[in-house]
PDB file of N, CA and C in Angstrom:
ATOM      1  N   MET A   1      26.129   7.222  14.882  1.00  0.00           N
ATOM      2  CA  MET A   1      25.360   6.670  14.113  1.00  0.00           C
ATOM      3  C   MET A   1      25.358   5.222  14.856  1.00  0.00           C
ATOM      4  N   ALA A   2      24.624   4.374  15.074  1.00  0.00           N
ATOM      5  CA  ALA A   2      24.749   3.297  15.540  1.00  0.00           C
ATOM      6  C   ALA A   2      24.879   1.837  14.922  1.00  0.00           C
ATOM      7  N   ASN A   3      25.674   1.187  15.539  1.00  0.00           N
ATOM      8  CA  ASN A   3      26.525   0.077  14.808  1.00  0.00           C
ATOM      9  C   ASN A   3      25.243  -0.994  14.507  1.00  0.00           C
ATOM     10  N   ARG A   4      25.236  -0.772  12.787  1.00  0.00           N
ATOM     11  CA  ARG A   4      23.531  -1.635  12.598  1.00  0.00           C
ATOM     12  C   ARG A   4      24.038  -2.967  11.796  1.00  0.00           C
ATOM     13  N   GLU A   5      23.346  -4.174  12.421  1.00  0.00           N
ATOM     14  CA  GLU A   5      24.062  -5.399  11.450  1.00  0.00           C
ATOM     15  C   GLU A   5      23.751  -5.332  10.320  1.00  0.00           C
ATOM     16  N   ARG A   6      24.382  -5.671   9.404  1.00  0.00           N
ATOM     17  CA  ARG A   6      23.862  -6.537   7.777  1.00  0.00           C
ATOM     18  C   ARG A   6      23.181  -7.426   7.694  1.00  0.00           C
ATOM     19  N   LEU A   7      21.744  -7.333   7.304  1.00  0.00           N
ATOM     20  CA  LEU A   7      21.033  -8.104   7.181  1.00  0.00           C
ATOM     21  C   LEU A   7      21.694  -9.773   6.619  1.00  0.00           C
ATOM     22  N   GLN A   8      22.459  -9.607   5.847  1.00  0.00           N
ATOM     23  CA  GLN A   8      23.467 -10.608   5.166  1.00  0.00           C
ATOM     24  C   GLN A   8      23.890 -11.465   6.122  1.00  0.00           C
ATOM     25  N   ASP A   9      24.392 -10.659   7.445  1.00  0.00           N
ATOM     26  CA  ASP A   9      24.947 -11.089   8.289  1.00  0.00           C
ATOM     27  C   ASP A   9      24.526 -11.830   9.609  1.00  0.00           C
ATOM     28  N   ILE A  10      23.322 -11.815   9.619  1.00  0.00           N
ATOM     29  CA  ILE A  10      22.247 -12.450  10.439  1.00  0.00           C
ATOM     30  C   ILE A  10      22.095 -13.959  10.137  1.00  0.00           C
ATOM     31  N   GLY A  11      22.300 -15.078  10.880  1.00  0.00           N
ATOM     32  CA  GLY A  11      21.727 -16.367  10.796  1.00  0.00           C
ATOM     33  C   GLY A  11      22.649 -16.916   9.679  1.00  0.00           C
ATOM     34  N   THR A  12      21.704 -17.661   8.913  1.00  0.00           N
ATOM     35  CA  THR A  12      22.114 -18.376   8.130  1.00  0.00           C
ATOM     36  C   THR A  12      21.464 -18.109   6.697  1.00  0.00           C
ATOM     37  N   ASP A  13      22.054 -18.161   5.276  1.00  0.00           N
ATOM     38  CA  ASP A  13      21.527 -18.225   4.080  1.00  0.00           C
ATOM     39  C   ASP A  13      20.053 -18.675   4.227  1.00  0.00           C
ATOM     40  N   PRO A  14      19.201 -18.173   3.698  1.00  0.00           N
ATOM     41  CA  PRO A  14      17.996 -19.091   3.574  1.00  0.00           C
ATOM     42  C   PRO A  14      17.618 -19.855   1.894  1.00  0.00           C
ATOM     43  N   ASP A  15      17.094 -21.188   2.050  1.00  0.00           N
ATOM     44  CA  ASP A  15      16.853 -21.157   0.578  1.00  0.00           C
ATOM     45  C   ASP A  15      16.660 -20.434  -0.330  1.00  0.00           C
ATOM     46  N   VAL A  16      17.297 -19.873  -1.609  1.00  0.00           N
ATOM     47  CA  VAL A  16      17.293 -19.064  -2.677  1.00  0.00           C
ATOM     48  C   VAL A  16      15.852 -18.919  -2.828  1.00  0.00           C
ATOM     49  N   ARG A  17      15.037 -19.958  -3.157  1.00  0.00           N
ATOM     50  CA  ARG A  17      13.636 -19.843  -3.770  1.00  0.00           C
ATOM     51  C   ARG A  17      12.704 -19.015  -2.727  1.00  0.00           C
ATOM     52  N   PHE A  18      12.831 -19.054  -1.336  1.00  0.00           N
ATOM     53  CA  PHE A  18      12.450 -18.438  -0.507  1.00  0.00           C
ATOM     54  C   PHE A  18      12.667 -16.780  -0.211  1.00  0.00           C
ATOM     55  N   SER A  19      14.112 -16.529  -0.532  1.00  0.00           N
ATOM     56  CA  SER A  19      14.530 -14.647  -0.716  1.00  0.00           C
ATOM     57  C   SER A  19      13.554 -14.539  -2.121  1.00  0.00           C
ATOM     58  N   TYR A  20      13.519 -15.286  -3.258  1.00  0.00           N
ATOM     59  CA  TYR A  20      13.078 -14.965  -4.439  1.00  0.00           C
ATOM     60  C   TYR A  20      11.465 -14.615  -4.080  1.00  0.00           C
ATOM     61  N   ALA A  21      10.617 -15.792  -3.094  1.00  0.00           N
ATOM     62  CA  ALA A  21       9.594 -15.237  -3.135  1.00  0.00           C
ATOM     63  C   ALA A  21       8.940 -14.028  -2.227  1.00  0.00           C
ATOM     64  N   ASN A  22       9.677 -13.861  -1.394  1.00  0.00           N
ATOM     65  CA  ASN A  22      10.005 -12.122  -0.179  1.00  0.00           C
ATOM     66  C   ASN A  22      10.307 -11.456  -1.257  1.00  0.00           C
ATOM     67  N   GLU A  23      11.424 -11.406  -1.816  1.00  0.00           N
ATOM     68  CA  GLU A  23      11.618 -10.549  -3.302  1.00  0.00           C
ATOM     69  C   GLU A  23      10.378 -10.066  -3.848  1.00  0.00           C
ATOM     70  N   ARG A  24      10.034 -11.377  -4.847  1.00  0.00           N
ATOM     71  CA  ARG A  24       8.738 -10.742  -5.588  1.00  0.00           C
ATOM     72  C   ARG A  24       7.388 -10.055  -4.742  1.00  0.00           C
ATOM     73  N   THR A  25       7.182 -10.593  -3.387  1.00  0.00           N
ATOM     74  CA  THR A  25       6.043  -9.946  -2.852  1.00  0.00           C
ATOM     75  C   THR A  25       6.238  -8.693  -2.127  1.00  0.00           C
ATOM     76  N   PHE A  26       7.108  -8.471  -2.194  1.00  0.00           N
ATOM     77  CA  PHE A  26       8.277  -7.198  -2.233  1.00  0.00           C
ATOM     78  C   PHE A  26       7.341  -6.280  -3.261  1.00  0.00           C
ATOM     79  N   LEU A  27       7.940  -6.669  -4.443  1.00  0.00           N
ATOM     80  CA  LEU A  27       7.794  -5.564  -5.498  1.00  0.00           C
ATOM     81  C   LEU A  27       6.011  -5.864  -5.983  1.00  0.00           C
ATOM     82  N   ALA A  28       5.980  -6.854  -6.144  1.00  0.00           N
ATOM     83  CA  ALA A  28       3.774  -7.061  -5.561  1.00  0.00           C
ATOM     84  C   ALA A  28       3.121  -5.556  -4.985  1.00  0.00           C
ATOM     85  N   TRP A  29       3.950  -5.918  -3.516  1.00  0.00           N
ATOM     86  CA  TRP A  29       3.573  -4.711  -3.002  1.00  0.00           C
ATOM     87  C   TRP A  29       3.641  -3.306  -3.364  1.00  0.00           C
ATOM     88  N   ASN A  30       4.822  -3.122  -4.186  1.00  0.00           N
ATOM     89  CA  ASN A  30       4.937  -1.864  -4.284  1.00  0.00           C
ATOM     90  C   ASN A  30       4.516  -1.253  -5.743  1.00  0.00           C
ATOM     91  N   ARG A  31       4.083  -2.387  -6.634  1.00  0.00           N
ATOM     92  CA  ARG A  31       3.331  -2.308  -7.884  1.00  0.00           C
ATOM     93  C   ARG A  31       2.103  -2.000  -7.353  1.00  0.00           C
ATOM     94  N   THR A  32       1.463  -2.290  -6.024  1.00  0.00           N
ATOM     95  CA  THR A  32       0.326  -2.154  -5.753  1.00  0.00           C
ATOM     96  C   THR A  32       0.366  -0.284  -5.114  1.00  0.00           C
ATOM     97  N   ALA A  33       1.378  -0.203  -4.559  1.00  0.00           N
ATOM     98  CA  ALA A  33       1.651   1.203  -3.449  1.00  0.00           C
ATOM     99  C   ALA A  33       1.425   2.389  -5.280  1.00  0.00           C
ATOM    100  N   LEU A  34       2.498   1.995  -5.882  1.00  0.00           N
ATOM    101  CA  LEU A  34       2.433   2.826  -7.455  1.00  0.00           C
ATOM    102  C   LEU A  34       0.654   2.940  -7.900  1.00  0.00           C
ATOM    103  N   ALA A  35       0.341   1.798  -8.207  1.00  0.00           N
ATOM    104  CA  ALA A  35      -1.045   1.720  -8.392  1.00  0.00           C
ATOM    105  C   ALA A  35      -1.739   2.843  -7.749  1.00  0.00           C
ATOM    106  N   MET A  36      -1.794   2.861  -6.458  1.00  0.00           N
ATOM    107  CA  MET A  36      -2.276   3.472  -5.492  1.00  0.00           C
ATOM    108  C   MET A  36      -1.896   5.046  -5.601  1.00  0.00           C
ATOM    109  N   VAL A  37      -1.012   5.465  -5.807  1.00  0.00           N
ATOM    110  CA  VAL A  37      -0.620   6.795  -6.006  1.00  0.00           C
ATOM    111  C   VAL A  37      -1.178   7.061  -7.002  1.00  0.00           C
ATOM    112  N   THR A  38      -0.980   6.578  -8.141  1.00  0.00           N
ATOM    113  CA  THR A  38      -1.426   7.124  -9.444  1.00  0.00           C
ATOM    114  C   THR A  38      -2.910   6.956  -9.814  1.00  0.00           C
ATOM    115  N   ALA A  39      -3.927   6.460  -9.261  1.00  0.00           N
ATOM    116  CA  ALA A  39      -5.184   6.596  -8.917  1.00  0.00           C
ATOM    117  C   ALA A  39      -5.218   7.414  -8.365  1.00  0.00           C
ATOM    118  N   GLY A  40      -4.861   7.690  -7.097  1.00  0.00           N
ATOM    119  CA  GLY A  40      -5.553   8.880  -5.982  1.00  0.00           C
ATOM    120  C   GLY A  40      -4.738  10.682  -6.927  1.00  0.00           C
ATOM    121  N   LEU A  41      -3.880  10.462  -7.579  1.00  0.00           N
ATOM    122  CA  LEU A  41      -3.594  11.484  -8.559  1.00  0.00           C
ATOM    123  C   LEU A  41      -4.482  11.519  -9.766  1.00  0.00           C
ATOM    124  N   ALA A  42      -4.735  10.628 -10.338  1.00  0.00           N
ATOM    125  CA  ALA A  42      -5.865  10.836 -11.236  1.00  0.00           C
ATOM    126  C   ALA A  42      -6.904  11.236 -10.846  1.00  0.00           C
ATOM    127  N   ILE A  43      -7.520  10.462  -9.440  1.00  0.00           N
ATOM    128  CA  ILE A  43      -8.756  11.238  -9.417  1.00  0.00           C
ATOM    129  C   ILE A  43      -8.802  12.409  -9.260  1.00  0.00           C
ATOM    130  N   THR A  44      -7.592  12.922  -8.015  1.00  0.00           N
ATOM    131  CA  THR A  44      -7.563  14.493  -7.676  1.00  0.00           C
ATOM    132  C   THR A  44      -7.448  15.616  -9.015  1.00  0.00           C
ATOM    133  N   GLN A  45      -6.898  14.817 -10.294  1.00  0.00           N
ATOM    134  CA  GLN A  45      -6.268  16.069 -11.373  1.00  0.00           C
ATOM    135  C   GLN A  45      -7.249  15.726 -12.325  1.00  0.00           C
ATOM    136  N   LEU A  46      -7.744  14.416 -12.668  1.00  0.00           N
ATOM    137  CA  LEU A  46      -8.430  14.251 -13.947  1.00  0.00           C
ATOM    138  C   LEU A  46     -10.147  14.147 -13.734  1.00  0.00           C
ATOM    139  N   LEU A  47     -10.351  13.551 -12.535  1.00  0.00           N
ATOM    140  CA  LEU A  47     -11.805  13.218 -12.424  1.00  0.00           C
ATOM    141  C   LEU A  47     -12.658  14.698 -12.120  1.00  0.00           C
ATOM    142  N   PRO A  48     -13.890  14.649 -13.308  1.00  0.00           N
ATOM    143  CA  PRO A  48     -14.652  16.279 -13.083  1.00  0.00           C
ATOM    144  C   PRO A  48     -14.745  16.190 -11.336  1.00  0.00           C
ATOM    145  N   PRO A  49     -15.122  17.529 -11.683  1.00  0.00           N
ATOM    146  CA  PRO A  49     -15.481  18.116 -10.089  1.00  0.00           C
ATOM    147  C   PRO A  49     -16.945  17.374  -9.381  1.00  0.00           C
ATOM    148  N   PHE A  50     -16.972  17.256  -8.134  1.00  0.00           N
ATOM    149  CA  PHE A  50     -17.946  17.098  -7.823  1.00  0.00           C
ATOM    150  C   PHE A  50     -18.865  18.342  -7.352  1.00  0.00           C
ATOM    151  N   ASP A  51     -19.789  18.156  -7.034  1.00  0.00           N
ATOM    152  CA  ASP A  51     -20.426  19.153  -6.270  1.00  0.00           C
ATOM    153  C   ASP A  51     -20.394  19.569  -5.370  1.00  0.00           C
ATOM    154  N   ILE A  52     -19.963  18.677  -4.419  1.00  0.00           N
ATOM    155  CA  ILE A  52     -19.793  19.274  -3.012  1.00  0.00           C
ATOM    156  C   ILE A  52     -17.649  19.589  -3.042  1.00  0.00           C
ATOM    157  N   PRO A  53     -17.484  20.647  -2.364  1.00  0.00           N
ATOM    158  CA  PRO A  53     -15.885  21.019  -2.259  1.00  0.00           C
ATOM    159  C   PRO A  53     -14.870  19.951  -1.723  1.00  0.00           C
ATOM    160  N   GLY A  54     -14.190  19.816  -2.460  1.00  0.00           N
ATOM    161  CA  GLY A  54     -13.160  19.132  -2.352  1.00  0.00           C
ATOM    162  C   GLY A  54     -13.397  17.580  -2.377  1.00  0.00           C
ATOM    163  N   GLY A  55     -13.964  17.027  -3.396  1.00  0.00           N
ATOM    164  CA  GLY A  55     -15.041  15.697  -3.420  1.00  0.00           C
ATOM    165  C   GLY A  55     -13.796  15.025  -4.106  1.00  0.00           C
ATOM    166  N   ARG A  56     -13.367  15.430  -5.030  1.00  0.00           N
ATOM    167  CA  ARG A  56     -11.846  14.721  -5.689  1.00  0.00           C
ATOM    168  C   ARG A  56     -10.976  14.467  -4.636  1.00  0.00           C
ATOM    169  N   LYS A  57     -10.365  15.440  -4.087  1.00  0.00           N
ATOM    170  CA  LYS A  57      -9.578  14.944  -2.613  1.00  0.00           C
ATOM    171  C   LYS A  57      -9.845  14.030  -1.651  1.00  0.00           C
ATOM    172  N   LEU A  58     -11.209  14.329  -1.429  1.00  0.00           N
ATOM    173  CA  LEU A  58     -11.927  13.012   0.087  1.00  0.00           C
ATOM    174  C   LEU A  58     -11.603  11.609  -0.669  1.00  0.00           C
ATOM    175  N   ILE A  59     -11.272  11.686  -2.004  1.00  0.00           N
ATOM    176  CA  ILE A  59     -11.048  10.193  -2.268  1.00  0.00           C
ATOM    177  C   ILE A  59      -9.624   9.988  -2.867  1.00  0.00           C
ATOM    178  N   GLY A  60      -9.385  10.563  -3.553  1.00  0.00           N
ATOM    179  CA  GLY A  60      -7.581  10.485  -3.799  1.00  0.00           C
ATOM    180  C   GLY A  60      -6.553  10.608  -3.040  1.00  0.00           C
ATOM    181  N   LEU A  61      -6.795  11.536  -2.196  1.00  0.00           N
ATOM    182  CA  LEU A  61      -5.357  12.123  -1.105  1.00  0.00           C
ATOM    183  C   LEU A  61      -5.613  10.631  -0.602  1.00  0.00           C
ATOM    184  N   PRO A  62      -6.311  10.220   0.144  1.00  0.00           N
ATOM    185  CA  PRO A  62      -6.204   9.088   1.045  1.00  0.00           C
ATOM    186  C   PRO A  62      -5.460   7.777   0.306  1.00  0.00           C
ATOM    187  N   LEU A  63      -5.732   7.541  -0.835  1.00  0.00           N
ATOM    188  CA  LEU A  63      -4.894   6.546  -2.063  1.00  0.00           C
ATOM    189  C   LEU A  63      -3.823   7.047  -1.996  1.00  0.00           C
ATOM    190  N   ILE A  64      -3.307   8.180  -2.544  1.00  0.00           N
ATOM    191  CA  ILE A  64      -2.024   8.795  -2.426  1.00  0.00           C
ATOM    192  C   ILE A  64      -1.160   8.276  -0.940  1.00  0.00           C
ATOM    193  N   ALA A  65      -1.768   8.574  -0.125  1.00  0.00           N
ATOM    194  CA  ALA A  65      -1.145   8.570   1.164  1.00  0.00           C
ATOM    195  C   ALA A  65      -1.082   7.104   1.562  1.00  0.00           C
ATOM    196  N   LEU A  66      -1.901   6.262   1.096  1.00  0.00           N
ATOM    197  CA  LEU A  66      -1.947   4.680   2.013  1.00  0.00           C
ATOM    198  C   LEU A  66      -0.969   4.301   0.516  1.00  0.00           C
ATOM    199  N   GLY A  67      -0.969   4.535  -0.460  1.00  0.00           N
ATOM    200  CA  GLY A  67       0.704   4.371  -1.712  1.00  0.00           C
ATOM    201  C   GLY A  67       1.474   4.305  -1.000  1.00  0.00           C
ATOM    202  N   THR A  68       2.014   5.520  -0.380  1.00  0.00           N
ATOM    203  CA  THR A  68       3.008   6.226   0.188  1.00  0.00           C
ATOM    204  C   THR A  68       3.360   5.077   1.603  1.00  0.00           C
ATOM    205  N   LEU A  69       2.504   4.901   2.420  1.00  0.00           N
ATOM    206  CA  LEU A  69       2.783   4.016   3.623  1.00  0.00           C
ATOM    207  C   LEU A  69       2.786   2.593   2.889  1.00  0.00           C
ATOM    208  N   VAL A  70       2.444   2.114   1.943  1.00  0.00           N
ATOM    209  CA  VAL A  70       2.414   0.482   1.837  1.00  0.00           C
ATOM    210  C   VAL A  70       4.261   0.510   0.924  1.00  0.00           C
ATOM    211  N   SER A  71       4.396   1.366   0.423  1.00  0.00           N
ATOM    212  CA  SER A  71       5.791   1.535  -0.048  1.00  0.00           C
ATOM    213  C   SER A  71       6.934   1.075   0.652  1.00  0.00           C
ATOM    214  N   ILE A  72       6.554   2.206   2.233  1.00  0.00           N
ATOM    215  CA  ILE A  72       7.512   1.950   3.091  1.00  0.00           C
ATOM    216  C   ILE A  72       7.619   0.970   3.900  1.00  0.00           C
ATOM    217  N   ALA A  73       5.709   0.657   3.918  1.00  0.00           N
ATOM    218  CA  ALA A  73       5.993  -0.800   4.978  1.00  0.00           C
ATOM    219  C   ALA A  73       6.052  -2.167   3.955  1.00  0.00           C
ATOM    220  N   SER A  74       5.897  -1.860   2.815  1.00  0.00           N
ATOM    221  CA  SER A  74       6.410  -3.412   2.186  1.00  0.00           C
ATOM    222  C   SER A  74       7.589  -3.529   2.551  1.00  0.00           C
ATOM    223  N   LEU A  75       9.018  -2.776   2.694  1.00  0.00           N
ATOM    224  CA  LEU A  75      10.306  -2.641   2.979  1.00  0.00           C
ATOM    225  C   LEU A  75      10.289  -3.192   4.113  1.00  0.00           C
ATOM    226  N   VAL A  76       9.833  -2.303   5.353  1.00  0.00           N
ATOM    227  CA  VAL A  76      10.017  -2.865   6.556  1.00  0.00           C
ATOM    228  C   VAL A  76       9.380  -4.719   6.521  1.00  0.00           C
ATOM    229  N   GLN A  77       8.623  -4.880   5.652  1.00  0.00           N
ATOM    230  CA  GLN A  77       8.122  -6.221   5.803  1.00  0.00           C
ATOM    231  C   GLN A  77       8.865  -7.421   5.549  1.00  0.00           C
ATOM    232  N   TRP A  78       9.171  -6.816   4.277  1.00  0.00           N
ATOM    233  CA  TRP A  78      10.656  -7.564   3.374  1.00  0.00           C
ATOM    234  C   TRP A  78      11.574  -7.990   4.564  1.00  0.00           C
ATOM    235  N   GLN A  79      12.015  -6.792   4.943  1.00  0.00           N
ATOM    236  CA  GLN A  79      13.482  -7.138   6.133  1.00  0.00           C
ATOM    237  C   GLN A  79      12.924  -7.983   7.432  1.00  0.00           C
ATOM    238  N   ARG A  80      11.722  -7.969   7.372  1.00  0.00           N
ATOM    239  CA  ARG A  80      11.104  -8.418   8.958  1.00  0.00           C
ATOM    240  C   ARG A  80      11.060 -10.077   8.414  1.00  0.00           C
ATOM    241  N   ASN A  81      10.537 -10.466   7.134  1.00  0.00           N
ATOM    242  CA  ASN A  81      10.631 -11.597   6.495  1.00  0.00           C
ATOM    243  C   ASN A  81      11.878 -12.364   6.212  1.00  0.00           C
ATOM    244  N   GLU A  82      13.045 -11.760   5.506  1.00  0.00           N
ATOM    245  CA  GLU A  82      14.372 -11.818   5.440  1.00  0.00           C
ATOM    246  C   GLU A  82      15.249 -12.404   6.596  1.00  0.00           C
ATOM    247  N   ARG A  83      14.755 -11.613   7.992  1.00  0.00           N
ATOM    248  CA  ARG A  83      15.234 -11.623   9.186  1.00  0.00           C
ATOM    249  C   ARG A  83      15.062 -13.132   9.948  1.00  0.00           C
ATOM    250  N   ALA A  84      13.475 -13.133   9.664  1.00  0.00           N
ATOM    251  CA  ALA A  84      13.238 -14.486  10.015  1.00  0.00           C
ATOM    252  C   ALA A  84      13.345 -15.705   9.595  1.00  0.00           C
ATOM    253  N   MET A  85      13.636 -15.635   8.339  1.00  0.00           N
ATOM    254  CA  MET A  85      13.968 -16.857   7.498  1.00  0.00           C
ATOM    255  C   MET A  85      15.578 -17.342   7.529  1.00  0.00           C
ATOM    256  N   ARG A  86      16.074 -16.277   7.844  1.00  0.00           N
ATOM    257  CA  ARG A  86      17.856 -16.174   8.140  1.00  0.00           C
ATOM    258  C   ARG A  86      17.744 -16.840   9.479  1.00  0.00           C
ATOM    259  N   LEU A  87      17.240 -16.346  10.475  1.00  0.00           N
ATOM    260  CA  LEU A  87      17.288 -16.948  11.860  1.00  0.00           C
ATOM    261  C   LEU A  87      16.184 -18.551  11.880  1.00  0.00           C
ATOM    262  N   GLY A  88      15.251 -18.881  11.180  1.00  0.00           N
ATOM    263  CA  GLY A  88      14.758 -20.307  11.173  1.00  0.00           C
ATOM    264  C   GLY A  88      13.560 -19.593  12.010  1.00  0.00           C
ATOM    265  N   HIS A  89      13.215 -18.515  12.517  1.00  0.00           N
ATOM    266  CA  HIS A  89      11.822 -18.380  12.747  1.00  0.00           C
ATOM    267  C   HIS A  89      10.500 -18.107  11.951  1.00  0.00           C
ATOM    268  N   PRO A  90       9.246 -18.508  12.477  1.00  0.00           N
ATOM    269  CA  PRO A  90       8.599 -18.667  11.404  1.00  0.00           C
ATOM    270  C   PRO A  90       7.927 -16.776  11.011  1.00  0.00           C
ATOM    271  N   LEU A  91       7.394 -16.938   9.907  1.00  0.00           N
ATOM    272  CA  LEU A  91       7.324 -15.402   9.455  1.00  0.00           C
ATOM    273  C   LEU A  91       6.822 -14.620  10.245  1.00  0.00           C
ATOM    274  N   PRO A  92       6.699 -13.242  10.235  1.00  0.00           N
ATOM    275  CA  PRO A  92       5.732 -12.663  10.975  1.00  0.00           C
ATOM    276  C   PRO A  92       4.614 -12.286  10.349  1.00  0.00           C
ATOM    277  N   ALA A  93       3.361 -11.509  10.972  1.00  0.00           N
ATOM    278  CA  ALA A  93       2.516 -11.238  10.663  1.00  0.00           C
ATOM    279  C   ALA A  93       2.251  -9.838   9.841  1.00  0.00           C
ATOM    280  N   SER A  94       1.812  -9.846   8.825  1.00  0.00           N
ATOM    281  CA  SER A  94       2.038  -8.575   7.992  1.00  0.00           C
ATOM    282  C   SER A  94       0.395  -7.544   8.420  1.00  0.00           C
ATOM    283  N   MET A  95       0.150  -6.062   8.362  1.00  0.00           N
ATOM    284  CA  MET A  95      -0.604  -5.253   8.552  1.00  0.00           C
ATOM    285  C   MET A  95      -1.211  -4.606   7.305  1.00  0.00           C
ATOM    286  N   LEU A  96      -0.175  -5.424   6.110  1.00  0.00           N
ATOM    287  CA  LEU A  96      -0.560  -4.769   4.637  1.00  0.00           C
ATOM    288  C   LEU A  96      -1.880  -4.970   4.530  1.00  0.00           C
ATOM    289  N   PRO A  97      -2.309  -6.341   4.316  1.00  0.00           N
ATOM    290  CA  PRO A  97      -3.828  -6.296   3.482  1.00  0.00           C
ATOM    291  C   PRO A  97      -4.980  -5.791   4.622  1.00  0.00           C
ATOM    292  N   LYS A  98      -4.878  -5.921   5.520  1.00  0.00           N
ATOM    293  CA  LYS A  98      -5.739  -5.312   6.178  1.00  0.00           C
ATOM    294  C   LYS A  98      -5.718  -3.566   6.272  1.00  0.00           C
ATOM    295  N   LEU A  99      -4.372  -2.829   6.353  1.00  0.00           N
ATOM    296  CA  LEU A  99      -4.715  -1.787   5.816  1.00  0.00           C
ATOM    297  C   LEU A  99      -5.094  -1.631   4.569  1.00  0.00           C
ATOM    298  N   VAL A 100      -4.888  -2.307   3.371  1.00  0.00           N
ATOM    299  CA  VAL A 100      -5.128  -1.521   2.192  1.00  0.00           C
ATOM    300  C   VAL A 100      -6.507  -1.643   1.904  1.00  0.00           C
ATOM    301  N   ALA A 101      -7.104  -3.102   2.744  1.00  0.00           N
ATOM    302  CA  ALA A 101      -8.746  -3.305   2.637  1.00  0.00           C
ATOM    303  C   ALA A 101      -9.239  -2.132   3.078  1.00  0.00           C
ATOM    304  N   ILE A 102      -9.040  -1.619   4.190  1.00  0.00           N
ATOM    305  CA  ILE A 102      -9.481  -0.667   4.876  1.00  0.00           C
ATOM    306  C   ILE A 102      -9.910   0.766   4.031  1.00  0.00           C
ATOM    307  N   VAL A 103      -8.627   1.344   3.907  1.00  0.00           N
ATOM    308  CA  VAL A 103      -8.148   2.462   3.171  1.00  0.00           C
ATOM    309  C   VAL A 103      -9.236   2.496   1.844  1.00  0.00           C
ATOM    310  N   VAL A 104      -9.175   1.031   0.953  1.00  0.00           N
ATOM    311  CA  VAL A 104      -9.932   1.025  -0.211  1.00  0.00           C
ATOM    312  C   VAL A 104     -10.948   1.298  -0.238  1.00  0.00           C
ATOM    313  N   ALA A 105     -11.692   0.633   1.178  1.00  0.00           N
ATOM    314  CA  ALA A 105     -13.282   0.329   1.231  1.00  0.00           C
ATOM    315  C   ALA A 105     -13.486   1.723   2.034  1.00  0.00           C
ATOM    316  N   ILE A 106     -12.828   2.447   2.940  1.00  0.00           N
ATOM    317  CA  ILE A 106     -13.365   3.896   2.861  1.00  0.00           C
ATOM    318  C   ILE A 106     -13.307   4.945   1.721  1.00  0.00           C
ATOM    319  N   SER A 107     -12.475   4.986   0.859  1.00  0.00           N
ATOM    320  CA  SER A 107     -12.161   5.452  -0.542  1.00  0.00           C
ATOM    321  C   SER A 107     -13.395   5.300  -1.156  1.00  0.00           C
ATOM    322  N   ALA A 108     -13.931   4.099  -0.893  1.00  0.00           N
ATOM    323  CA  ALA A 108     -14.994   3.807  -1.963  1.00  0.00           C
ATOM    324  C   ALA A 108     -16.370   3.919  -1.452  1.00  0.00           C
ATOM    325  N   VAL A 109     -16.525   4.090  -0.275  1.00  0.00           N
ATOM    326  CA  VAL A 109     -17.485   4.830   0.438  1.00  0.00           C
ATOM    327  C   VAL A 109     -17.704   5.892   0.300  1.00  0.00           C
ATOM    328  N   ILE A 110     -16.485   6.709   0.139  1.00  0.00           N
ATOM    329  CA  ILE A 110     -16.411   8.323  -0.185  1.00  0.00           C
ATOM    330  C   ILE A 110     -17.059   8.528  -1.304  1.00  0.00           C
ATOM    331  N   ALA A 111     -16.708   7.564  -2.162  1.00  0.00           N
ATOM    332  CA  ALA A 111     -17.149   7.683  -3.489  1.00  0.00           C
ATOM    333  C   ALA A 111     -18.748   7.280  -3.980  1.00  0.00           C
ATOM    334  N   LEU A 112     -18.968   6.455  -3.408  1.00  0.00           N
ATOM    335  CA  LEU A 112     -20.386   6.156  -3.330  1.00  0.00           C
ATOM    336  C   LEU A 112     -21.315   7.507  -2.971  1.00  0.00           C
ATOM    337  N   VAL A 113     -20.895   7.663  -1.655  1.00  0.00           N
ATOM    338  CA  VAL A 113     -22.219   9.084  -1.022  1.00  0.00           C
ATOM    339  C   VAL A 113     -21.802  10.450  -2.049  1.00  0.00           C
ATOM    340  N   LEU A 114     -20.479  10.416  -2.673  1.00  0.00           N
ATOM    341  CA  LEU A 114     -20.374  11.547  -3.446  1.00  0.00           C
ATOM    342  C   LEU A 114     -21.055  11.455  -5.147  1.00  0.00           C
ATOM    343  N   ALA A 115     -21.152  10.269  -5.417  1.00  0.00           N
ATOM    344  CA  ALA A 115     -22.048   9.701  -6.384  1.00  0.00           C
ATOM    345  C   ALA A 115     -23.276   9.733  -6.358  1.00  0.00           C
ATOM    346  N   ILE A 116     -24.089   9.709  -5.135  1.00  0.00           N
ATOM    347  CA  ILE A 116     -25.217   9.530  -5.216  1.00  0.00           C
ATOM    348  C   ILE A 116     -25.732  11.261  -4.656  1.00  0.00           C
ATOM    349  N   ALA A 117     -25.043  11.841  -3.721  1.00  0.00           N
ATOM    350  CA  ALA A 117     -25.427  13.106  -3.878  1.00  0.00           C
ATOM    351  C   ALA A 117     -25.178  14.095  -4.987  1.00  0.00           C
ATOM    352  N   ALA A 118     -24.472  13.560  -6.042  1.00  0.00           N
ATOM    353  CA  ALA A 118     -24.589  14.075  -7.239  1.00  0.00           C
ATOM    354  C   ALA A 118     -25.656  14.462  -7.887  1.00  0.00           C
ATOM    355  N   PRO A 119     -26.114  15.655  -8.305  1.00  0.00           N
ATOM    356  CA  PRO A 119     -27.566  15.740  -8.677  1.00  0.00           C
ATOM    357  C   PRO A 119     -27.359  14.910 -10.152  1.00  0.00           C
ATOM    358  N   SER A 120     -28.637  13.953 -10.686  1.00  0.00           N
ATOM    359  CA  SER A 120     -28.775  13.234 -11.406  1.00  0.00           C
ATOM    360  C   SER A 120     -29.242  14.370 -12.957  1.00  0.00           C
ATOM    361  N   GLU A 121     -28.804  13.570 -13.885  1.00  0.00           N
ATOM    362  CA  GLU A 121     -28.686  14.514 -15.058  1.00  0.00           C
ATOM    363  C   GLU A 121     -29.679  14.131 -15.761  1.00  0.00           C
ATOM    364  N   GLY A 122     -30.842  14.800 -16.334  1.00  0.00           N
ATOM    365  CA  GLY A 122     -31.960  14.779 -16.990  1.00  0.00           C
ATOM    366  C   GLY A 122     -32.023  13.426 -17.232  1.00  0.00           C
ATOM    367  N   VAL A 123     -32.899  12.463 -17.119  1.00  0.00           N
ATOM    368  CA  VAL A 123     -33.463  11.129 -17.428  1.00  0.00           C
ATOM    369  C   VAL A 123     -34.537  11.118 -17.955  1.00  0.00           C
TER     370      VAL A 123
END
């Protein structure tokens, strides 16, 4: 097992307000991750089926996968931010906003296509 330095032992303690802000951001990303997993599960299990086989899974599974990825990535980002603050470096860029936007947009396009492809009910 590699000898890994504890985050608390790196650099100097940042202003506690910045650490709290970093933690709040981490928790916000995890709420987003939980919402994605919950939405994906609800879509795959509770939404009425589409005429296209697997339509619910086409929408829901990317959201579940994204929620899982966001949860893990938010921890990594929290650690990177904390390390940067402790060393007095600029905060590293986060890929999370772009990732979430892309996957949500793809899921929305799939949902739109499935909704348009569904036969219209007698109007």
